[in-house]
Amino acid sequence: MPRFLGQIKRVKATAKRQTKTEAELLDRATNNLLRAVKRKIIKKEGRVNYDKLRKEGYSDRFLAKVEAA
């Protein structure tokens, strides 16, 4: 056996990633989009004016999700 092979150490393999369900992927993508929308509004107007968005026709459910993002 060649001498240099004695220097090779065992390498641990990473654990297999769990596959995500379609619902989990959609949930994560939705949250990312909501955060992006919120950041864009804050960048443009300085804050999120929920009353203004409500008057523009956005649903209370959507606004609650944006607020939570």
PDB file of N, CA and C in Angstrom:
ATOM      1  N   MET A   1       0.851  -1.180   0.000  1.00  0.00           N
ATOM      2  CA  MET A   1       0.000   0.000   0.000  1.00  0.00           C
ATOM      3  C   MET A   1       0.893   1.238   0.000  1.00  0.00           C
ATOM      4  N   PRO A   2       0.642   2.160  -0.937  1.00  0.00           N
ATOM      5  CA  PRO A   2       1.460   3.367  -0.984  1.00  0.00           C
ATOM      6  C   PRO A   2       1.316   4.193   0.291  1.00  0.00           C
ATOM      7  N   ARG A   3       2.375   4.894   0.628  1.00  0.00           N
ATOM      8  CA  ARG A   3       2.428   5.638   1.879  1.00  0.00           C
ATOM      9  C   ARG A   3       1.387   6.763   1.945  1.00  0.00           C
ATOM     10  N   PHE A   4       1.146   7.495   0.829  1.00  0.00           N
ATOM     11  CA  PHE A   4       0.248   8.646   0.860  1.00  0.00           C
ATOM     12  C   PHE A   4      -1.209   8.256   1.118  1.00  0.00           C
ATOM     13  N   LEU A   5      -1.587   7.022   0.854  1.00  0.00           N
ATOM     14  CA  LEU A   5      -2.974   6.612   1.098  1.00  0.00           C
ATOM     15  C   LEU A   5      -3.293   6.561   2.589  1.00  0.00           C
ATOM     16  N   GLY A   6      -2.298   6.417   3.420  1.00  0.00           N
ATOM     17  CA  GLY A   6      -2.520   6.393   4.857  1.00  0.00           C
ATOM     18  C   GLY A   6      -2.948   7.746   5.403  1.00  0.00           C
ATOM     19  N   GLN A   7      -2.751   8.796   4.626  1.00  0.00           N
ATOM     20  CA  GLN A   7      -3.105  10.141   5.076  1.00  0.00           C
ATOM     21  C   GLN A   7      -4.549  10.505   4.762  1.00  0.00           C
ATOM     22  N   ILE A   8      -5.209   9.710   3.975  1.00  0.00           N
ATOM     23  CA  ILE A   8      -6.595  10.007   3.609  1.00  0.00           C
ATOM     24  C   ILE A   8      -7.495   9.665   4.799  1.00  0.00           C
ATOM     25  N   LYS A   9      -8.306  10.632   5.189  1.00  0.00           N
ATOM     26  CA  LYS A   9      -9.220  10.431   6.322  1.00  0.00           C
ATOM     27  C   LYS A   9     -10.624  10.194   5.799  1.00  0.00           C
ATOM     28  N   ARG A  10     -11.446   9.629   6.634  1.00  0.00           N
ATOM     29  CA  ARG A  10     -12.831   9.386   6.259  1.00  0.00           C
ATOM     30  C   ARG A  10     -13.576  10.717   6.138  1.00  0.00           C
ATOM     31  N   VAL A  11     -14.423  10.798   5.185  1.00  0.00           N
ATOM     32  CA  VAL A  11     -15.219  11.999   4.948  1.00  0.00           C
ATOM     33  C   VAL A  11     -16.681  11.648   5.201  1.00  0.00           C
ATOM     34  N   LYS A  12     -17.308  12.469   6.018  1.00  0.00           N
ATOM     35  CA  LYS A  12     -18.731  12.229   6.282  1.00  0.00           C
ATOM     36  C   LYS A  12     -19.561  12.765   5.120  1.00  0.00           C
ATOM     37  N   ALA A  13     -20.514  11.994   4.711  1.00  0.00           N
ATOM     38  CA  ALA A  13     -21.423  12.437   3.657  1.00  0.00           C
ATOM     39  C   ALA A  13     -22.538  13.257   4.299  1.00  0.00           C
ATOM     40  N   THR A  14     -23.066  14.207   3.556  1.00  0.00           N
ATOM     41  CA  THR A  14     -24.171  14.995   4.091  1.00  0.00           C
ATOM     42  C   THR A  14     -25.434  14.161   4.109  1.00  0.00           C
ATOM     43  N   ALA A  15     -26.305  14.501   5.014  1.00  0.00           N
ATOM     44  CA  ALA A  15     -27.574  13.790   5.104  1.00  0.00           C
ATOM     45  C   ALA A  15     -28.415  14.113   3.879  1.00  0.00           C
ATOM     46  N   LYS A  16     -29.223  13.174   3.478  1.00  0.00           N
ATOM     47  CA  LYS A  16     -30.085  13.405   2.327  1.00  0.00           C
ATOM     48  C   LYS A  16     -31.109  14.471   2.670  1.00  0.00           C
ATOM     49  N   ARG A  17     -31.352  15.353   1.716  1.00  0.00           N
ATOM     50  CA  ARG A  17     -32.366  16.377   1.920  1.00  0.00           C
ATOM     51  C   ARG A  17     -33.749  15.754   1.825  1.00  0.00           C
ATOM     52  N   GLN A  18     -34.631  16.252   2.675  1.00  0.00           N
ATOM     53  CA  GLN A  18     -36.003  15.783   2.577  1.00  0.00           C
ATOM     54  C   GLN A  18     -36.653  16.450   1.383  1.00  0.00           C
ATOM     55  N   THR A  19     -37.405  15.687   0.642  1.00  0.00           N
ATOM     56  CA  THR A  19     -38.104  16.285  -0.485  1.00  0.00           C
ATOM     57  C   THR A  19     -39.317  17.031   0.048  1.00  0.00           C
ATOM     58  N   LYS A  20     -39.542  18.205  -0.505  1.00  0.00           N
ATOM     59  CA  LYS A  20     -40.656  19.029  -0.059  1.00  0.00           C
ATOM     60  C   LYS A  20     -41.885  18.724  -0.907  1.00  0.00           C
ATOM     61  N   THR A  21     -43.024  18.821  -0.268  1.00  0.00           N
ATOM     62  CA  THR A  21     -44.257  18.608  -1.006  1.00  0.00           C
ATOM     63  C   THR A  21     -44.543  19.837  -1.855  1.00  0.00           C
ATOM     64  N   GLU A  22     -45.437  19.678  -2.795  1.00  0.00           N
ATOM     65  CA  GLU A  22     -45.812  20.793  -3.667  1.00  0.00           C
ATOM     66  C   GLU A  22     -46.422  21.927  -2.843  1.00  0.00           C
ATOM     67  N   ALA A  23     -47.202  21.570  -1.828  1.00  0.00           N
ATOM     68  CA  ALA A  23     -47.828  22.584  -0.973  1.00  0.00           C
ATOM     69  C   ALA A  23     -46.769  23.393  -0.225  1.00  0.00           C
ATOM     70  N   GLU A  24     -45.720  22.723   0.271  1.00  0.00           N
ATOM     71  CA  GLU A  24     -44.647  23.430   0.972  1.00  0.00           C
ATOM     72  C   GLU A  24     -43.900  24.367   0.042  1.00  0.00           C
ATOM     73  N   LEU A  25     -43.658  23.914  -1.184  1.00  0.00           N
ATOM     74  CA  LEU A  25     -42.977  24.759  -2.163  1.00  0.00           C
ATOM     75  C   LEU A  25     -43.814  25.983  -2.518  1.00  0.00           C
ATOM     76  N   LEU A  26     -45.118  25.779  -2.721  1.00  0.00           N
ATOM     77  CA  LEU A  26     -46.005  26.898  -3.042  1.00  0.00           C
ATOM     78  C   LEU A  26     -46.112  27.872  -1.886  1.00  0.00           C
ATOM     79  N   ASP A  27     -46.157  27.345  -0.672  1.00  0.00           N
ATOM     80  CA  ASP A  27     -46.235  28.197   0.516  1.00  0.00           C
ATOM     81  C   ASP A  27     -44.987  29.070   0.641  1.00  0.00           C
ATOM     82  N   ARG A  28     -43.848  28.465   0.416  1.00  0.00           N
ATOM     83  CA  ARG A  28     -42.590  29.218   0.502  1.00  0.00           C
ATOM     84  C   ARG A  28     -42.501  30.276  -0.605  1.00  0.00           C
ATOM     85  N   ALA A  29     -42.900  29.899  -1.816  1.00  0.00           N
ATOM     86  CA  ALA A  29     -42.871  30.842  -2.932  1.00  0.00           C
ATOM     87  C   ALA A  29     -43.837  32.005  -2.685  1.00  0.00           C
ATOM     88  N   THR A  30     -45.007  31.697  -2.142  1.00  0.00           N
ATOM     89  CA  THR A  30     -45.987  32.745  -1.829  1.00  0.00           C
ATOM     90  C   THR A  30     -45.435  33.707  -0.792  1.00  0.00           C
ATOM     91  N   ASN A  31     -44.820  33.174   0.242  1.00  0.00           N
ATOM     92  CA  ASN A  31     -44.236  34.031   1.280  1.00  0.00           C
ATOM     93  C   ASN A  31     -43.112  34.898   0.713  1.00  0.00           C
ATOM     94  N   ASN A  32     -42.301  34.347  -0.167  1.00  0.00           N
ATOM     95  CA  ASN A  32     -41.239  35.136  -0.796  1.00  0.00           C
ATOM     96  C   ASN A  32     -41.812  36.273  -1.623  1.00  0.00           C
ATOM     97  N   LEU A  33     -42.883  35.991  -2.368  1.00  0.00           N
ATOM     98  CA  LEU A  33     -43.524  37.029  -3.171  1.00  0.00           C
ATOM     99  C   LEU A  33     -44.134  38.114  -2.289  1.00  0.00           C
ATOM    100  N   LEU A  34     -44.778  37.712  -1.197  1.00  0.00           N
ATOM    101  CA  LEU A  34     -45.373  38.694  -0.289  1.00  0.00           C
ATOM    102  C   LEU A  34     -44.311  39.595   0.324  1.00  0.00           C
ATOM    103  N   ARG A  35     -43.176  39.013   0.725  1.00  0.00           N
ATOM    104  CA  ARG A  35     -42.083  39.822   1.273  1.00  0.00           C
ATOM    105  C   ARG A  35     -41.562  40.801   0.234  1.00  0.00           C
ATOM    106  N   ALA A  36     -41.465  40.338  -1.023  1.00  0.00           N
ATOM    107  CA  ALA A  36     -40.982  41.207  -2.095  1.00  0.00           C
ATOM    108  C   ALA A  36     -41.953  42.354  -2.346  1.00  0.00           C
ATOM    109  N   VAL A  37     -43.248  42.060  -2.327  1.00  0.00           N
ATOM    110  CA  VAL A  37     -44.262  43.103  -2.509  1.00  0.00           C
ATOM    111  C   VAL A  37     -44.165  44.124  -1.382  1.00  0.00           C
ATOM    112  N   LYS A  38     -44.039  43.631  -0.165  1.00  0.00           N
ATOM    113  CA  LYS A  38     -43.950  44.528   0.989  1.00  0.00           C
ATOM    114  C   LYS A  38     -42.706  45.408   0.906  1.00  0.00           C
ATOM    115  N   ARG A  39     -41.560  44.815   0.556  1.00  0.00           N
ATOM    116  CA  ARG A  39     -40.321  45.597   0.421  1.00  0.00           C
ATOM    117  C   ARG A  39     -40.452  46.663  -0.655  1.00  0.00           C
ATOM    118  N   LYS A  40     -41.096  46.303  -1.776  1.00  0.00           N
ATOM    119  CA  LYS A  40     -41.256  47.250  -2.876  1.00  0.00           C
ATOM    120  C   LYS A  40     -42.135  48.427  -2.452  1.00  0.00           C
ATOM    121  N   ILE A  41     -43.210  48.143  -1.736  1.00  0.00           N
ATOM    122  CA  ILE A  41     -44.102  49.211  -1.265  1.00  0.00           C
ATOM    123  C   ILE A  41     -43.360  50.110  -0.287  1.00  0.00           C
ATOM    124  N   ILE A  42     -42.622  49.508   0.640  1.00  0.00           N
ATOM    125  CA  ILE A  42     -41.879  50.294   1.635  1.00  0.00           C
ATOM    126  C   ILE A  42     -40.822  51.153   0.948  1.00  0.00           C
ATOM    127  N   LYS A  43     -40.148  50.597  -0.045  1.00  0.00           N
ATOM    128  CA  LYS A  43     -39.118  51.342  -0.769  1.00  0.00           C
ATOM    129  C   LYS A  43     -39.737  52.524  -1.518  1.00  0.00           C
ATOM    130  N   LYS A  44     -40.909  52.298  -2.100  1.00  0.00           N
ATOM    131  CA  LYS A  44     -41.561  53.325  -2.912  1.00  0.00           C
ATOM    132  C   LYS A  44     -42.211  54.404  -2.047  1.00  0.00           C
ATOM    133  N   GLU A  45     -42.906  54.005  -0.979  1.00  0.00           N
ATOM    134  CA  GLU A  45     -43.712  54.947  -0.207  1.00  0.00           C
ATOM    135  C   GLU A  45     -43.212  55.172   1.220  1.00  0.00           C
ATOM    136  N   GLY A  46     -42.229  54.412   1.652  1.00  0.00           N
ATOM    137  CA  GLY A  46     -41.703  54.587   2.999  1.00  0.00           C
ATOM    138  C   GLY A  46     -42.393  53.737   4.048  1.00  0.00           C
ATOM    139  N   ARG A  47     -43.630  53.370   3.791  1.00  0.00           N
ATOM    140  CA  ARG A  47     -44.381  52.499   4.708  1.00  0.00           C
ATOM    141  C   ARG A  47     -45.520  51.861   3.932  1.00  0.00           C
ATOM    142  N   VAL A  48     -46.150  50.862   4.537  1.00  0.00           N
ATOM    143  CA  VAL A  48     -47.279  50.202   3.896  1.00  0.00           C
ATOM    144  C   VAL A  48     -48.553  50.850   4.420  1.00  0.00           C
ATOM    145  N   ASN A  49     -49.305  51.482   3.541  1.00  0.00           N
ATOM    146  CA  ASN A  49     -50.567  52.119   3.910  1.00  0.00           C
ATOM    147  C   ASN A  49     -51.689  51.116   3.609  1.00  0.00           C
ATOM    148  N   TYR A  50     -52.097  50.377   4.643  1.00  0.00           N
ATOM    149  CA  TYR A  50     -53.073  49.313   4.452  1.00  0.00           C
ATOM    150  C   TYR A  50     -54.447  49.866   4.083  1.00  0.00           C
ATOM    151  N   ASP A  51     -54.806  51.034   4.597  1.00  0.00           N
ATOM    152  CA  ASP A  51     -56.099  51.638   4.242  1.00  0.00           C
ATOM    153  C   ASP A  51     -56.147  51.966   2.752  1.00  0.00           C
ATOM    154  N   LYS A  52     -55.056  52.511   2.238  1.00  0.00           N
ATOM    155  CA  LYS A  52     -54.980  52.842   0.815  1.00  0.00           C
ATOM    156  C   LYS A  52     -55.092  51.579  -0.040  1.00  0.00           C
ATOM    157  N   LEU A  53     -54.386  50.522   0.369  1.00  0.00           N
ATOM    158  CA  LEU A  53     -54.447  49.265  -0.375  1.00  0.00           C
ATOM    159  C   LEU A  53     -55.855  48.673  -0.318  1.00  0.00           C
ATOM    160  N   ARG A  54     -56.503  48.780   0.832  1.00  0.00           N
ATOM    161  CA  ARG A  54     -57.870  48.272   0.987  1.00  0.00           C
ATOM    162  C   ARG A  54     -58.813  49.021   0.037  1.00  0.00           C
ATOM    163  N   LYS A  55     -58.634  50.339  -0.056  1.00  0.00           N
ATOM    164  CA  LYS A  55     -59.470  51.147  -0.957  1.00  0.00           C
ATOM    165  C   LYS A  55     -59.200  50.807  -2.424  1.00  0.00           C
ATOM    166  N   GLU A  56     -57.971  50.364  -2.718  1.00  0.00           N
ATOM    167  CA  GLU A  56     -57.624  49.973  -4.084  1.00  0.00           C
ATOM    168  C   GLU A  56     -58.168  48.599  -4.447  1.00  0.00           C
ATOM    169  N   GLY A  57     -58.787  47.914  -3.484  1.00  0.00           N
ATOM    170  CA  GLY A  57     -59.450  46.651  -3.781  1.00  0.00           C
ATOM    171  C   GLY A  57     -58.743  45.398  -3.314  1.00  0.00           C
ATOM    172  N   TYR A  58     -57.640  45.546  -2.582  1.00  0.00           N
ATOM    173  CA  TYR A  58     -56.955  44.358  -2.070  1.00  0.00           C
ATOM    174  C   TYR A  58     -57.762  43.767  -0.923  1.00  0.00           C
ATOM    175  N   SER A  59     -57.819  42.449  -0.853  1.00  0.00           N
ATOM    176  CA  SER A  59     -58.624  41.776   0.164  1.00  0.00           C
ATOM    177  C   SER A  59     -57.966  41.869   1.540  1.00  0.00           C
ATOM    178  N   ASP A  60     -58.792  41.744   2.564  1.00  0.00           N
ATOM    179  CA  ASP A  60     -58.287  41.750   3.944  1.00  0.00           C
ATOM    180  C   ASP A  60     -57.349  40.571   4.174  1.00  0.00           C
ATOM    181  N   ARG A  61     -57.650  39.457   3.535  1.00  0.00           N
ATOM    182  CA  ARG A  61     -56.797  38.268   3.679  1.00  0.00           C
ATOM    183  C   ARG A  61     -55.402  38.542   3.107  1.00  0.00           C
ATOM    184  N   PHE A  62     -55.358  39.164   1.926  1.00  0.00           N
ATOM    185  CA  PHE A  62     -54.077  39.507   1.311  1.00  0.00           C
ATOM    186  C   PHE A  62     -53.316  40.490   2.190  1.00  0.00           C
ATOM    187  N   LEU A  63     -54.003  41.506   2.686  1.00  0.00           N
ATOM    188  CA  LEU A  63     -53.357  42.518   3.517  1.00  0.00           C
ATOM    189  C   LEU A  63     -52.817  41.920   4.819  1.00  0.00           C
ATOM    190  N   ALA A  64     -53.559  40.968   5.386  1.00  0.00           N
ATOM    191  CA  ALA A  64     -53.097  40.301   6.606  1.00  0.00           C
ATOM    192  C   ALA A  64     -51.823  39.502   6.318  1.00  0.00           C
ATOM    193  N   LYS A  65     -51.767  38.868   5.162  1.00  0.00           N
ATOM    194  CA  LYS A  65     -50.587  38.093   4.799  1.00  0.00           C
ATOM    195  C   LYS A  65     -49.393  39.008   4.540  1.00  0.00           C
ATOM    196  N   VAL A  66     -49.632  40.161   3.908  1.00  0.00           N
ATOM    197  CA  VAL A  66     -48.546  41.117   3.664  1.00  0.00           C
ATOM    198  C   VAL A  66     -48.031  41.634   4.989  1.00  0.00           C
ATOM    199  N   GLU A  67     -48.947  41.932   5.897  1.00  0.00           N
ATOM    200  CA  GLU A  67     -48.533  42.452   7.220  1.00  0.00           C
ATOM    201  C   GLU A  67     -47.707  41.416   7.970  1.00  0.00           C
ATOM    202  N   ALA A  68     -48.058  40.156   7.821  1.00  0.00           N
ATOM    203  CA  ALA A  68     -47.326  39.094   8.534  1.00  0.00           C
ATOM    204  C   ALA A  68     -45.987  38.785   7.869  1.00  0.00           C
ATOM    205  N   ALA A  69     -45.832  39.144   6.613  1.00  0.00           N
ATOM    206  CA  ALA A  69     -44.593  38.830   5.876  1.00  0.00           C
ATOM    207  C   ALA A  69     -43.433  39.656   6.372  1.00  0.00           C
TER     208      ALA A  69
END
